[in-house]
Amino acid sequence: MDNYFIFVPMNRINIKDLAKLLSLNPSTVSRALSDHPDIKSETKERVKAAAAEFNYLPNLHARYFRQKSSRLIALVLPEFNMYFIPGLMDGVNTVLKDSGYSIIIFFSDNSLEREKEIVNYCLSWVVEGVLISLSEHTKNCDHLLPLKDAGITVVLLDKVIHSQDFTTVTIDDKDAARNAVQYLYENKKTHILGIFANPSLEITRLRVAGFTSAHLDAGLPPPGDEDIVYIYKDTKSEWLEAKLLAKNYDGVFVMSDELLMYSYASFRKLQLYPQKISIVAISDGILPIQLYPQVSHFLHSGYEIGKKAAAVLLSTKKEPSGVFHHVIPIQLIRLDSVV
């Protein structure tokens, strides 16, 4: 680029800097970058070449106040793992990629305080929508209300707290667990251990309720404390193994892929699976077919949850229509783990 002498500032170049470098009006530079028809093609090429040369990026705040549109959607997740989350992210992206919106992904690290910080980022970055799966320490949705007050569309997905303020997208967690345990009963399994995540999560409480309901539906006593295991990140496998050996279990219900992977080594180590126990899980469907024998499961697709949540967010932005609780249907995938 030899047709002008350039002084390059050390901080990020803005549109005024770019205009000064090119001896153009800032409005001309802005319109050239936006392919405005009133700007000559040679001027557009010159401006775009300079913008590329000096890594010019548009100021999102300026664009928002000018256009009242940042075209940004935040996806807030409690953690990253190899199960469910990649499919969920893919589902969200499938819907948003052709809509003109860009996605910012945040991880709260299962921290309520971090979740609150992310809400502030979303407010300061003027995002237009937030898709959020809540942390295990989140007890209510009060910290999300400033987003609603600012006119930012919020949809809760998968790990949610049902409220009158925010739309949710989930499966029927209670019904999924109840059906899973009923499937074990239908196959003559009557001593069943339930393996669950943090009991403070609404998703866990609902699945425990379904586990208990299935016992009552079968005319059996409700499960005792010894029949329900809560697994945390720091839970020792030896503790789980002691629970597995405490009673003569012939069936195990596992509420998620993470817990299925965590428990599988103990099942095999104790020679319980497939010799003595049948297993059914709620799963995204990838892990169960990688284990041996393959594990029967109720398919809880992260991809479908992500697609639906993103579609609901976009439709709500176009035509606000109140708060709804959307339920994604699931299906039983019969494999080799229940005989």
C-alpha atoms as a PDB file:
ATOM      1  CA  MET A   1       0.000   0.000   0.000  1.00  0.00           C
ATOM      2  CA  ASP A   2       2.178   2.843  -1.350  1.00  0.00           C
ATOM      3  CA  ASN A   3      -0.275   5.700  -1.911  1.00  0.00           C
ATOM      4  CA  TYR A   4      -0.213   7.129   1.637  1.00  0.00           C
ATOM      5  CA  PHE A   5       2.075   7.543   4.626  1.00  0.00           C
ATOM      6  CA  ILE A   6       0.733   5.914   7.743  1.00  0.00           C
ATOM      7  CA  PHE A   7       1.206   6.392  11.447  1.00  0.00           C
ATOM      8  CA  VAL A   8      -0.107   3.318  13.240  1.00  0.00           C
ATOM      9  CA  PRO A   9      -1.378   3.828  16.823  1.00  0.00           C
ATOM     10  CA  MET A  10      -0.380   1.175  19.356  1.00  0.00           C
ATOM     11  CA  ASN A  11      -3.935   0.624  20.592  1.00  0.00           C
ATOM     12  CA  ARG A  12      -6.727  -0.853  18.493  1.00  0.00           C
ATOM     13  CA  ILE A  13      -7.452   1.236  15.422  1.00  0.00           C
ATOM     14  CA  ASN A  14     -10.915   2.772  15.254  1.00  0.00           C
ATOM     15  CA  ILE A  15     -12.954   4.158  12.389  1.00  0.00           C
ATOM     16  CA  LYS A  16     -11.730   7.725  12.970  1.00  0.00           C
ATOM     17  CA  ASP A  17      -8.107   6.541  12.783  1.00  0.00           C
ATOM     18  CA  LEU A  18      -8.868   4.695   9.573  1.00  0.00           C
ATOM     19  CA  ALA A  19     -10.558   7.759   8.085  1.00  0.00           C
ATOM     20  CA  LYS A  20      -7.610   9.994   9.013  1.00  0.00           C
ATOM     21  CA  LEU A  21      -5.134   7.549   7.461  1.00  0.00           C
ATOM     22  CA  LEU A  22      -7.118   7.510   4.223  1.00  0.00           C
ATOM     23  CA  SER A  23      -7.955  11.241   4.225  1.00  0.00           C
ATOM     24  CA  LEU A  24     -11.642  10.389   4.135  1.00  0.00           C
ATOM     25  CA  ASN A  25     -14.660  11.310   6.182  1.00  0.00           C
ATOM     26  CA  PRO A  26     -15.482   8.694   8.914  1.00  0.00           C
ATOM     27  CA  SER A  27     -19.003   8.360   7.507  1.00  0.00           C
ATOM     28  CA  THR A  28     -17.516   7.568   4.083  1.00  0.00           C
ATOM     29  CA  VAL A  29     -15.331   4.859   5.627  1.00  0.00           C
ATOM     30  CA  SER A  30     -18.305   3.413   7.486  1.00  0.00           C
ATOM     31  CA  ARG A  31     -20.461   3.293   4.376  1.00  0.00           C
ATOM     32  CA  ALA A  32     -17.613   1.813   2.326  1.00  0.00           C
ATOM     33  CA  LEU A  33     -17.187  -0.993   4.845  1.00  0.00           C
ATOM     34  CA  SER A  34     -20.946  -1.612   4.664  1.00  0.00           C
ATOM     35  CA  ASP A  35     -20.916  -1.741   0.831  1.00  0.00           C
ATOM     36  CA  HIS A  36     -23.175   1.288   0.563  1.00  0.00           C
ATOM     37  CA  PRO A  37     -24.217   1.799  -3.094  1.00  0.00           C
ATOM     38  CA  ASP A  38     -23.375   5.523  -2.986  1.00  0.00           C
ATOM     39  CA  ILE A  39     -19.665   4.776  -2.479  1.00  0.00           C
ATOM     40  CA  LYS A  40     -17.458   4.190  -5.515  1.00  0.00           C
ATOM     41  CA  SER A  41     -16.080   0.673  -5.913  1.00  0.00           C
ATOM     42  CA  GLU A  42     -12.457   1.897  -5.929  1.00  0.00           C
ATOM     43  CA  THR A  43     -13.044   3.726  -2.630  1.00  0.00           C
ATOM     44  CA  LYS A  44     -14.592   0.581  -1.127  1.00  0.00           C
ATOM     45  CA  GLU A  45     -11.588  -1.478  -2.214  1.00  0.00           C
ATOM     46  CA  ARG A  46      -9.161   1.094  -0.796  1.00  0.00           C
ATOM     47  CA  VAL A  47     -10.978   1.265   2.555  1.00  0.00           C
ATOM     48  CA  LYS A  48     -11.325  -2.504   2.882  1.00  0.00           C
ATOM     49  CA  ALA A  49      -7.664  -3.037   2.030  1.00  0.00           C
ATOM     50  CA  ALA A  50      -6.624  -0.594   4.742  1.00  0.00           C
ATOM     51  CA  ALA A  51      -9.016  -2.169   7.242  1.00  0.00           C
ATOM     52  CA  ALA A  52      -7.493  -5.583   6.556  1.00  0.00           C
ATOM     53  CA  GLU A  53      -3.936  -4.194   6.696  1.00  0.00           C
ATOM     54  CA  PHE A  54      -4.437  -2.700  10.143  1.00  0.00           C
ATOM     55  CA  ASN A  55      -6.808  -5.332  11.571  1.00  0.00           C
ATOM     56  CA  TYR A  56      -9.664  -2.894  11.963  1.00  0.00           C
ATOM     57  CA  LEU A  57     -12.648  -4.360  13.797  1.00  0.00           C
ATOM     58  CA  PRO A  58     -16.011  -2.591  14.039  1.00  0.00           C
ATOM     59  CA  ASN A  59     -16.930  -1.216  17.441  1.00  0.00           C
ATOM     60  CA  LEU A  60     -19.885  -3.311  18.579  1.00  0.00           C
ATOM     61  CA  HIS A  61     -21.127  -0.670  20.988  1.00  0.00           C
ATOM     62  CA  ALA A  62     -21.073   1.975  18.281  1.00  0.00           C
ATOM     63  CA  ARG A  63     -22.861  -0.327  15.876  1.00  0.00           C
ATOM     64  CA  TYR A  64     -25.468  -1.135  18.516  1.00  0.00           C
ATOM     65  CA  PHE A  65     -26.271   2.498  19.266  1.00  0.00           C
ATOM     66  CA  ARG A  66     -26.353   3.268  15.560  1.00  0.00           C
ATOM     67  CA  GLN A  67     -28.402   0.277  14.430  1.00  0.00           C
ATOM     68  CA  LYS A  68     -29.930  -0.871  17.741  1.00  0.00           C
ATOM     69  CA  SER A  69     -28.639  -4.328  16.861  1.00  0.00           C
ATOM     70  CA  SER A  70     -25.452  -6.095  17.971  1.00  0.00           C
ATOM     71  CA  ARG A  71     -26.365  -9.425  16.277  1.00  0.00           C
ATOM     72  CA  LEU A  72     -24.783 -11.280  19.222  1.00  0.00           C
ATOM     73  CA  ILE A  73     -26.264 -14.252  21.090  1.00  0.00           C
ATOM     74  CA  ALA A  74     -24.610 -15.516  24.286  1.00  0.00           C
ATOM     75  CA  LEU A  75     -24.595 -19.239  25.082  1.00  0.00           C
ATOM     76  CA  VAL A  76     -23.835 -19.791  28.778  1.00  0.00           C
ATOM     77  CA  LEU A  77     -22.957 -23.330  29.881  1.00  0.00           C
ATOM     78  CA  PRO A  78     -22.010 -24.688  33.318  1.00  0.00           C
ATOM     79  CA  GLU A  79     -19.019 -26.666  32.036  1.00  0.00           C
ATOM     80  CA  PHE A  80     -17.505 -28.323  29.010  1.00  0.00           C
ATOM     81  CA  ASN A  81     -17.386 -32.096  28.703  1.00  0.00           C
ATOM     82  CA  MET A  82     -17.261 -34.652  25.932  1.00  0.00           C
ATOM     83  CA  TYR A  83     -20.901 -35.654  26.367  1.00  0.00           C
ATOM     84  CA  PHE A  84     -24.060 -33.721  25.508  1.00  0.00           C
ATOM     85  CA  ILE A  85     -22.423 -30.263  25.461  1.00  0.00           C
ATOM     86  CA  PRO A  86     -20.784 -30.594  21.998  1.00  0.00           C
ATOM     87  CA  GLY A  87     -24.114 -31.710  20.529  1.00  0.00           C
ATOM     88  CA  LEU A  88     -25.939 -28.864  22.268  1.00  0.00           C
ATOM     89  CA  MET A  89     -23.465 -26.319  20.897  1.00  0.00           C
ATOM     90  CA  ASP A  90     -23.819 -27.815  17.419  1.00  0.00           C
ATOM     91  CA  GLY A  91     -27.606 -27.611  17.630  1.00  0.00           C
ATOM     92  CA  VAL A  92     -27.491 -23.931  18.612  1.00  0.00           C
ATOM     93  CA  ASN A  93     -25.013 -23.165  15.840  1.00  0.00           C
ATOM     94  CA  THR A  94     -27.098 -25.017  13.236  1.00  0.00           C
ATOM     95  CA  VAL A  95     -29.991 -22.633  13.819  1.00  0.00           C
ATOM     96  CA  LEU A  96     -28.060 -19.394  14.319  1.00  0.00           C
ATOM     97  CA  LYS A  97     -25.385 -19.687  11.632  1.00  0.00           C
ATOM     98  CA  ASP A  98     -27.713 -18.679   8.793  1.00  0.00           C
ATOM     99  CA  SER A  99     -29.688 -16.138  10.819  1.00  0.00           C
ATOM    100  CA  GLY A 100     -27.142 -13.319  10.767  1.00  0.00           C
ATOM    101  CA  TYR A 101     -26.285 -13.762  14.455  1.00  0.00           C
ATOM    102  CA  SER A 102     -22.925 -14.605  15.997  1.00  0.00           C
ATOM    103  CA  ILE A 103     -22.498 -16.731  19.132  1.00  0.00           C
ATOM    104  CA  ILE A 104     -20.402 -15.921  22.187  1.00  0.00           C
ATOM    105  CA  ILE A 105     -19.867 -18.960  24.414  1.00  0.00           C
ATOM    106  CA  PHE A 106     -19.269 -18.593  28.159  1.00  0.00           C
ATOM    107  CA  PHE A 107     -18.599 -21.275  30.758  1.00  0.00           C
ATOM    108  CA  SER A 108     -19.694 -20.555  34.319  1.00  0.00           C
ATOM    109  CA  ASP A 109     -17.561 -23.379  35.801  1.00  0.00           C
ATOM    110  CA  ASN A 110     -20.647 -24.342  37.815  1.00  0.00           C
ATOM    111  CA  SER A 111     -20.258 -21.145  39.832  1.00  0.00           C
ATOM    112  CA  LEU A 112     -23.149 -18.835  40.623  1.00  0.00           C
ATOM    113  CA  GLU A 113     -20.759 -15.903  41.086  1.00  0.00           C
ATOM    114  CA  ARG A 114     -19.234 -16.545  37.683  1.00  0.00           C
ATOM    115  CA  GLU A 115     -22.737 -16.789  36.225  1.00  0.00           C
ATOM    116  CA  LYS A 116     -23.534 -13.339  37.650  1.00  0.00           C
ATOM    117  CA  GLU A 117     -20.334 -11.937  36.098  1.00  0.00           C
ATOM    118  CA  ILE A 118     -21.352 -13.345  32.725  1.00  0.00           C
ATOM    119  CA  VAL A 119     -24.760 -11.694  33.014  1.00  0.00           C
ATOM    120  CA  ASN A 120     -22.961  -8.361  33.480  1.00  0.00           C
ATOM    121  CA  TYR A 121     -20.800  -9.069  30.422  1.00  0.00           C
ATOM    122  CA  CYS A 122     -23.943  -9.754  28.415  1.00  0.00           C
ATOM    123  CA  LEU A 123     -25.430  -6.460  29.552  1.00  0.00           C
ATOM    124  CA  SER A 124     -22.285  -4.450  28.813  1.00  0.00           C
ATOM    125  CA  TRP A 125     -21.712  -6.146  25.453  1.00  0.00           C
ATOM    126  CA  VAL A 126     -25.335  -5.450  24.456  1.00  0.00           C
ATOM    127  CA  VAL A 127     -26.057  -9.012  23.362  1.00  0.00           C
ATOM    128  CA  GLU A 128     -29.511  -9.501  21.888  1.00  0.00           C
ATOM    129  CA  GLY A 129     -30.256 -12.887  23.406  1.00  0.00           C
ATOM    130  CA  VAL A 130     -28.998 -15.300  26.051  1.00  0.00           C
ATOM    131  CA  LEU A 131     -29.267 -19.090  26.047  1.00  0.00           C
ATOM    132  CA  ILE A 132     -28.269 -20.389  29.482  1.00  0.00           C
ATOM    133  CA  SER A 133     -27.909 -23.755  31.198  1.00  0.00           C
ATOM    134  CA  LEU A 134     -27.665 -23.014  34.907  1.00  0.00           C
ATOM    135  CA  SER A 135     -24.860 -23.862  37.334  1.00  0.00           C
ATOM    136  CA  GLU A 136     -25.339 -26.464  40.038  1.00  0.00           C
ATOM    137  CA  HIS A 137     -25.194 -23.703  42.671  1.00  0.00           C
ATOM    138  CA  THR A 138     -27.945 -21.559  41.147  1.00  0.00           C
ATOM    139  CA  LYS A 139     -31.052 -21.572  43.366  1.00  0.00           C
ATOM    140  CA  ASN A 140     -33.253 -19.036  41.565  1.00  0.00           C
ATOM    141  CA  CYS A 141     -33.304 -16.799  38.492  1.00  0.00           C
ATOM    142  CA  ASP A 142     -33.176 -13.419  40.216  1.00  0.00           C
ATOM    143  CA  HIS A 143     -29.750 -12.581  38.769  1.00  0.00           C
ATOM    144  CA  LEU A 144     -31.181 -13.005  35.249  1.00  0.00           C
ATOM    145  CA  LEU A 145     -33.903 -10.397  35.738  1.00  0.00           C
ATOM    146  CA  PRO A 146     -31.659  -7.460  34.682  1.00  0.00           C
ATOM    147  CA  LEU A 147     -31.391  -9.130  31.265  1.00  0.00           C
ATOM    148  CA  LYS A 148     -35.167  -9.276  30.998  1.00  0.00           C
ATOM    149  CA  ASP A 149     -35.461  -5.663  32.184  1.00  0.00           C
ATOM    150  CA  ALA A 150     -32.982  -4.615  29.478  1.00  0.00           C
ATOM    151  CA  GLY A 151     -35.147  -6.224  26.794  1.00  0.00           C
ATOM    152  CA  ILE A 152     -32.713  -9.083  26.171  1.00  0.00           C
ATOM    153  CA  THR A 153     -34.417 -12.357  25.241  1.00  0.00           C
ATOM    154  CA  VAL A 154     -33.472 -15.176  27.637  1.00  0.00           C
ATOM    155  CA  VAL A 155     -34.128 -18.901  27.159  1.00  0.00           C
ATOM    156  CA  LEU A 156     -33.088 -21.483  29.751  1.00  0.00           C
ATOM    157  CA  LEU A 157     -32.122 -24.895  28.420  1.00  0.00           C
ATOM    158  CA  ASP A 158     -31.540 -28.356  29.906  1.00  0.00           C
ATOM    159  CA  LYS A 159     -30.407 -27.426  33.440  1.00  0.00           C
ATOM    160  CA  VAL A 160     -33.108 -24.952  34.318  1.00  0.00           C
ATOM    161  CA  ILE A 161     -35.214 -23.563  37.114  1.00  0.00           C
ATOM    162  CA  HIS A 162     -38.841 -23.233  36.091  1.00  0.00           C
ATOM    163  CA  SER A 163     -40.234 -19.788  36.814  1.00  0.00           C
ATOM    164  CA  GLN A 164     -42.853 -17.375  35.521  1.00  0.00           C
ATOM    165  CA  ASP A 165     -40.147 -15.092  34.118  1.00  0.00           C
ATOM    166  CA  PHE A 166     -38.214 -17.227  31.635  1.00  0.00           C
ATOM    167  CA  THR A 167     -38.958 -19.690  28.860  1.00  0.00           C
ATOM    168  CA  THR A 168     -37.337 -23.123  29.205  1.00  0.00           C
ATOM    169  CA  VAL A 169     -36.401 -25.981  26.865  1.00  0.00           C
ATOM    170  CA  THR A 170     -35.885 -29.386  28.490  1.00  0.00           C
ATOM    171  CA  ILE A 171     -36.959 -32.981  28.368  1.00  0.00           C
ATOM    172  CA  ASP A 172     -39.530 -34.239  30.885  1.00  0.00           C
ATOM    173  CA  ASP A 173     -36.897 -35.251  33.439  1.00  0.00           C
ATOM    174  CA  LYS A 174     -39.295 -36.887  35.882  1.00  0.00           C
ATOM    175  CA  ASP A 175     -41.029 -38.895  33.183  1.00  0.00           C
ATOM    176  CA  ALA A 176     -37.710 -39.964  31.620  1.00  0.00           C
ATOM    177  CA  ALA A 177     -36.449 -41.406  34.903  1.00  0.00           C
ATOM    178  CA  ARG A 178     -39.790 -43.051  35.664  1.00  0.00           C
ATOM    179  CA  ASN A 179     -39.898 -44.723  32.233  1.00  0.00           C
ATOM    180  CA  ALA A 180     -36.295 -45.890  32.555  1.00  0.00           C
ATOM    181  CA  VAL A 181     -36.976 -47.626  35.857  1.00  0.00           C
ATOM    182  CA  GLN A 182     -40.251 -49.078  34.565  1.00  0.00           C
ATOM    183  CA  TYR A 183     -38.284 -50.565  31.675  1.00  0.00           C
ATOM    184  CA  LEU A 184     -36.071 -52.352  34.203  1.00  0.00           C
ATOM    185  CA  TYR A 185     -39.133 -53.624  36.074  1.00  0.00           C
ATOM    186  CA  GLU A 186     -40.654 -54.873  32.839  1.00  0.00           C
ATOM    187  CA  ASN A 187     -37.539 -56.985  32.469  1.00  0.00           C
ATOM    188  CA  LYS A 188     -37.911 -58.501  35.965  1.00  0.00           C
ATOM    189  CA  LYS A 189     -35.449 -56.223  37.767  1.00  0.00           C
ATOM    190  CA  THR A 190     -36.774 -55.407  41.229  1.00  0.00           C
ATOM    191  CA  HIS A 191     -33.714 -54.288  43.222  1.00  0.00           C
ATOM    192  CA  ILE A 192     -32.574 -51.108  41.535  1.00  0.00           C
ATOM    193  CA  LEU A 193     -29.880 -48.610  42.467  1.00  0.00           C
ATOM    194  CA  GLY A 194     -30.243 -45.039  41.224  1.00  0.00           C
ATOM    195  CA  ILE A 195     -27.111 -43.013  40.480  1.00  0.00           C
ATOM    196  CA  PHE A 196     -27.662 -39.247  40.441  1.00  0.00           C
ATOM    197  CA  ALA A 197     -25.777 -35.934  40.229  1.00  0.00           C
ATOM    198  CA  ASN A 198     -25.784 -33.026  42.686  1.00  0.00           C
ATOM    199  CA  PRO A 199     -29.157 -33.064  44.519  1.00  0.00           C
ATOM    200  CA  SER A 200     -29.317 -29.251  44.538  1.00  0.00           C
ATOM    201  CA  LEU A 201     -30.033 -29.283  40.781  1.00  0.00           C
ATOM    202  CA  GLU A 202     -33.661 -29.177  39.704  1.00  0.00           C
ATOM    203  CA  ILE A 203     -32.849 -31.723  36.991  1.00  0.00           C
ATOM    204  CA  THR A 204     -31.579 -34.145  39.670  1.00  0.00           C
ATOM    205  CA  ARG A 205     -34.567 -33.618  41.953  1.00  0.00           C
ATOM    206  CA  LEU A 206     -36.967 -34.303  39.088  1.00  0.00           C
ATOM    207  CA  ARG A 207     -35.150 -37.468  38.068  1.00  0.00           C
ATOM    208  CA  VAL A 208     -35.085 -38.701  41.668  1.00  0.00           C
ATOM    209  CA  ALA A 209     -38.822 -38.037  41.815  1.00  0.00           C
ATOM    210  CA  GLY A 210     -39.299 -40.134  38.675  1.00  0.00           C
ATOM    211  CA  PHE A 211     -37.144 -42.907  40.131  1.00  0.00           C
ATOM    212  CA  THR A 212     -39.285 -42.924  43.273  1.00  0.00           C
ATOM    213  CA  SER A 213     -42.545 -42.712  41.335  1.00  0.00           C
ATOM    214  CA  ALA A 214     -41.645 -45.803  39.305  1.00  0.00           C
ATOM    215  CA  HIS A 215     -41.264 -47.828  42.499  1.00  0.00           C
ATOM    216  CA  LEU A 216     -44.686 -46.719  43.733  1.00  0.00           C
ATOM    217  CA  ASP A 217     -46.286 -47.370  40.346  1.00  0.00           C
ATOM    218  CA  ALA A 218     -45.004 -50.956  40.554  1.00  0.00           C
ATOM    219  CA  GLY A 219     -46.514 -51.414  44.001  1.00  0.00           C
ATOM    220  CA  LEU A 220     -43.137 -51.523  45.709  1.00  0.00           C
ATOM    221  CA  PRO A 221     -41.913 -49.535  48.709  1.00  0.00           C
ATOM    222  CA  PRO A 222     -40.227 -46.233  47.844  1.00  0.00           C
ATOM    223  CA  PRO A 223     -36.447 -46.510  47.507  1.00  0.00           C
ATOM    224  CA  GLY A 224     -34.491 -45.993  50.715  1.00  0.00           C
ATOM    225  CA  ASP A 225     -31.426 -43.815  51.170  1.00  0.00           C
ATOM    226  CA  GLU A 226     -29.244 -46.820  50.419  1.00  0.00           C
ATOM    227  CA  ASP A 227     -30.861 -47.126  46.972  1.00  0.00           C
ATOM    228  CA  ILE A 228     -29.966 -43.597  45.836  1.00  0.00           C
ATOM    229  CA  VAL A 229     -26.385 -42.498  45.240  1.00  0.00           C
ATOM    230  CA  TYR A 230     -25.365 -38.884  44.629  1.00  0.00           C
ATOM    231  CA  ILE A 231     -22.067 -38.529  42.790  1.00  0.00           C
ATOM    232  CA  TYR A 232     -19.970 -35.352  42.984  1.00  0.00           C
ATOM    233  CA  LYS A 233     -16.715 -34.591  41.208  1.00  0.00           C
ATOM    234  CA  ASP A 234     -14.682 -35.540  44.276  1.00  0.00           C
ATOM    235  CA  THR A 235     -16.597 -38.760  45.036  1.00  0.00           C
ATOM    236  CA  LYS A 236     -14.246 -41.721  45.413  1.00  0.00           C
ATOM    237  CA  SER A 237     -14.961 -44.805  43.319  1.00  0.00           C
ATOM    238  CA  GLU A 238     -14.474 -46.957  46.420  1.00  0.00           C
ATOM    239  CA  TRP A 239     -17.508 -45.323  47.994  1.00  0.00           C
ATOM    240  CA  LEU A 240     -19.666 -46.115  44.968  1.00  0.00           C
ATOM    241  CA  GLU A 241     -18.359 -49.688  44.947  1.00  0.00           C
ATOM    242  CA  ALA A 242     -19.344 -50.138  48.596  1.00  0.00           C
ATOM    243  CA  LYS A 243     -22.876 -48.963  47.750  1.00  0.00           C
ATOM    244  CA  LEU A 244     -23.053 -51.349  44.798  1.00  0.00           C
ATOM    245  CA  LEU A 245     -22.116 -54.279  47.031  1.00  0.00           C
ATOM    246  CA  ALA A 246     -24.354 -53.297  49.953  1.00  0.00           C
ATOM    247  CA  LYS A 247     -27.414 -55.000  48.437  1.00  0.00           C
ATOM    248  CA  ASN A 248     -28.064 -57.620  45.825  1.00  0.00           C
ATOM    249  CA  TYR A 249     -28.932 -55.155  43.050  1.00  0.00           C
ATOM    250  CA  ASP A 250     -30.056 -56.555  39.717  1.00  0.00           C
ATOM    251  CA  GLY A 251     -30.598 -53.201  38.009  1.00  0.00           C
ATOM    252  CA  VAL A 252     -29.017 -49.740  37.906  1.00  0.00           C
ATOM    253  CA  PHE A 253     -30.462 -46.484  36.632  1.00  0.00           C
ATOM    254  CA  VAL A 254     -27.899 -43.779  35.734  1.00  0.00           C
ATOM    255  CA  MET A 255     -29.135 -40.240  35.157  1.00  0.00           C
ATOM    256  CA  SER A 256     -26.449 -38.957  32.748  1.00  0.00           C
ATOM    257  CA  ASP A 257     -23.537 -39.841  30.475  1.00  0.00           C
ATOM    258  CA  GLU A 258     -20.965 -38.366  32.877  1.00  0.00           C
ATOM    259  CA  LEU A 259     -22.185 -40.620  35.659  1.00  0.00           C
ATOM    260  CA  LEU A 260     -22.402 -43.612  33.356  1.00  0.00           C
ATOM    261  CA  MET A 261     -18.749 -43.166  32.390  1.00  0.00           C
ATOM    262  CA  TYR A 262     -17.777 -42.617  36.032  1.00  0.00           C
ATOM    263  CA  SER A 263     -19.614 -45.752  37.188  1.00  0.00           C
ATOM    264  CA  TYR A 264     -18.783 -48.101  34.331  1.00  0.00           C
ATOM    265  CA  ALA A 265     -15.276 -48.929  35.594  1.00  0.00           C
ATOM    266  CA  SER A 266     -16.703 -49.943  38.977  1.00  0.00           C
ATOM    267  CA  PHE A 267     -19.381 -52.095  37.347  1.00  0.00           C
ATOM    268  CA  ARG A 268     -16.697 -53.963  35.426  1.00  0.00           C
ATOM    269  CA  LYS A 269     -14.174 -54.078  38.271  1.00  0.00           C
ATOM    270  CA  LEU A 270     -16.700 -55.747  40.590  1.00  0.00           C
ATOM    271  CA  GLN A 271     -17.805 -58.081  37.774  1.00  0.00           C
ATOM    272  CA  LEU A 272     -21.367 -56.846  38.162  1.00  0.00           C
ATOM    273  CA  TYR A 273     -21.879 -55.899  34.529  1.00  0.00           C
ATOM    274  CA  PRO A 274     -23.068 -57.686  32.510  1.00  0.00           C
ATOM    275  CA  GLN A 275     -22.941 -60.707  34.816  1.00  0.00           C
ATOM    276  CA  LYS A 276     -25.334 -59.556  37.560  1.00  0.00           C
ATOM    277  CA  ILE A 277     -26.890 -56.175  36.774  1.00  0.00           C
ATOM    278  CA  SER A 278     -28.810 -54.567  33.949  1.00  0.00           C
ATOM    279  CA  ILE A 279     -28.253 -50.878  33.217  1.00  0.00           C
ATOM    280  CA  VAL A 280     -30.430 -48.184  31.712  1.00  0.00           C
ATOM    281  CA  ALA A 281     -29.385 -44.539  31.423  1.00  0.00           C
ATOM    282  CA  ILE A 282     -30.523 -41.159  30.186  1.00  0.00           C
ATOM    283  CA  SER A 283     -27.985 -40.338  27.505  1.00  0.00           C
ATOM    284  CA  ASP A 284     -27.090 -38.296  24.450  1.00  0.00           C
ATOM    285  CA  GLY A 285     -26.598 -41.641  22.725  1.00  0.00           C
ATOM    286  CA  ILE A 286     -22.883 -41.548  21.909  1.00  0.00           C
ATOM    287  CA  LEU A 287     -21.303 -43.117  24.999  1.00  0.00           C
ATOM    288  CA  PRO A 288     -23.718 -46.085  25.344  1.00  0.00           C
ATOM    289  CA  ILE A 289     -22.750 -47.546  21.987  1.00  0.00           C
ATOM    290  CA  GLN A 290     -19.035 -47.262  22.827  1.00  0.00           C
ATOM    291  CA  LEU A 291     -19.348 -49.411  25.949  1.00  0.00           C
ATOM    292  CA  TYR A 292     -19.538 -53.194  26.091  1.00  0.00           C
ATOM    293  CA  PRO A 293     -22.148 -54.484  26.244  1.00  0.00           C
ATOM    294  CA  GLN A 294     -23.878 -51.485  24.712  1.00  0.00           C
ATOM    295  CA  VAL A 295     -26.169 -49.688  27.154  1.00  0.00           C
ATOM    296  CA  SER A 296     -29.908 -49.228  26.690  1.00  0.00           C
ATOM    297  CA  HIS A 297     -30.882 -45.609  27.178  1.00  0.00           C
ATOM    298  CA  PHE A 298     -33.520 -42.943  26.807  1.00  0.00           C
ATOM    299  CA  LEU A 299     -32.143 -40.593  24.183  1.00  0.00           C
ATOM    300  CA  HIS A 300     -31.670 -37.082  25.555  1.00  0.00           C
ATOM    301  CA  SER A 301     -30.239 -35.290  22.538  1.00  0.00           C
ATOM    302  CA  GLY A 302     -28.127 -32.216  23.239  1.00  0.00           C
ATOM    303  CA  TYR A 303     -28.372 -31.392  19.548  1.00  0.00           C
ATOM    304  CA  GLU A 304     -32.176 -31.299  19.635  1.00  0.00           C
ATOM    305  CA  ILE A 305     -32.214 -29.274  22.866  1.00  0.00           C
ATOM    306  CA  GLY A 306     -29.810 -26.739  21.329  1.00  0.00           C
ATOM    307  CA  LYS A 307     -31.757 -26.485  18.069  1.00  0.00           C
ATOM    308  CA  LYS A 308     -35.068 -25.993  19.805  1.00  0.00           C
ATOM    309  CA  ALA A 309     -33.727 -23.429  22.279  1.00  0.00           C
ATOM    310  CA  ALA A 310     -32.105 -21.354  19.527  1.00  0.00           C
ATOM    311  CA  ALA A 311     -35.251 -21.499  17.387  1.00  0.00           C
ATOM    312  CA  VAL A 312     -37.411 -20.452  20.355  1.00  0.00           C
ATOM    313  CA  LEU A 313     -35.074 -17.533  21.092  1.00  0.00           C
ATOM    314  CA  LEU A 314     -35.224 -16.272  17.504  1.00  0.00           C
ATOM    315  CA  SER A 315     -38.997 -16.615  17.272  1.00  0.00           C
ATOM    316  CA  THR A 316     -39.441 -14.846  20.624  1.00  0.00           C
ATOM    317  CA  LYS A 317     -37.259 -11.969  19.438  1.00  0.00           C
ATOM    318  CA  LYS A 318     -39.455 -11.543  16.380  1.00  0.00           C
ATOM    319  CA  GLU A 319     -42.776 -11.907  18.166  1.00  0.00           C
ATOM    320  CA  PRO A 320     -42.663 -11.837  21.978  1.00  0.00           C
ATOM    321  CA  SER A 321     -45.342 -14.250  23.148  1.00  0.00           C
ATOM    322  CA  GLY A 322     -44.955 -14.825  26.861  1.00  0.00           C
ATOM    323  CA  VAL A 323     -43.233 -17.551  28.868  1.00  0.00           C
ATOM    324  CA  PHE A 324     -43.455 -21.175  27.721  1.00  0.00           C
ATOM    325  CA  HIS A 325     -41.919 -24.438  28.926  1.00  0.00           C
ATOM    326  CA  HIS A 326     -40.998 -26.511  25.885  1.00  0.00           C
ATOM    327  CA  VAL A 327     -40.497 -30.271  26.319  1.00  0.00           C
ATOM    328  CA  ILE A 328     -38.399 -32.251  23.835  1.00  0.00           C
ATOM    329  CA  PRO A 329     -39.681 -35.828  23.337  1.00  0.00           C
ATOM    330  CA  ILE A 330     -37.318 -38.724  24.063  1.00  0.00           C
ATOM    331  CA  GLN A 331     -37.268 -42.342  22.963  1.00  0.00           C
ATOM    332  CA  LEU A 332     -36.016 -45.627  24.361  1.00  0.00           C
ATOM    333  CA  ILE A 333     -33.020 -47.100  22.542  1.00  0.00           C
ATOM    334  CA  ARG A 334     -32.974 -50.831  23.351  1.00  0.00           C
ATOM    335  CA  LEU A 335     -29.463 -52.270  23.309  1.00  0.00           C
ATOM    336  CA  ASP A 336     -27.719 -55.106  25.172  1.00  0.00           C
ATOM    337  CA  SER A 337     -27.593 -53.962  28.783  1.00  0.00           C
ATOM    338  CA  VAL A 338     -31.081 -55.056  29.846  1.00  0.00           C
ATOM    339  CA  VAL A 339     -31.808 -58.778  29.567  1.00  0.00           C
END
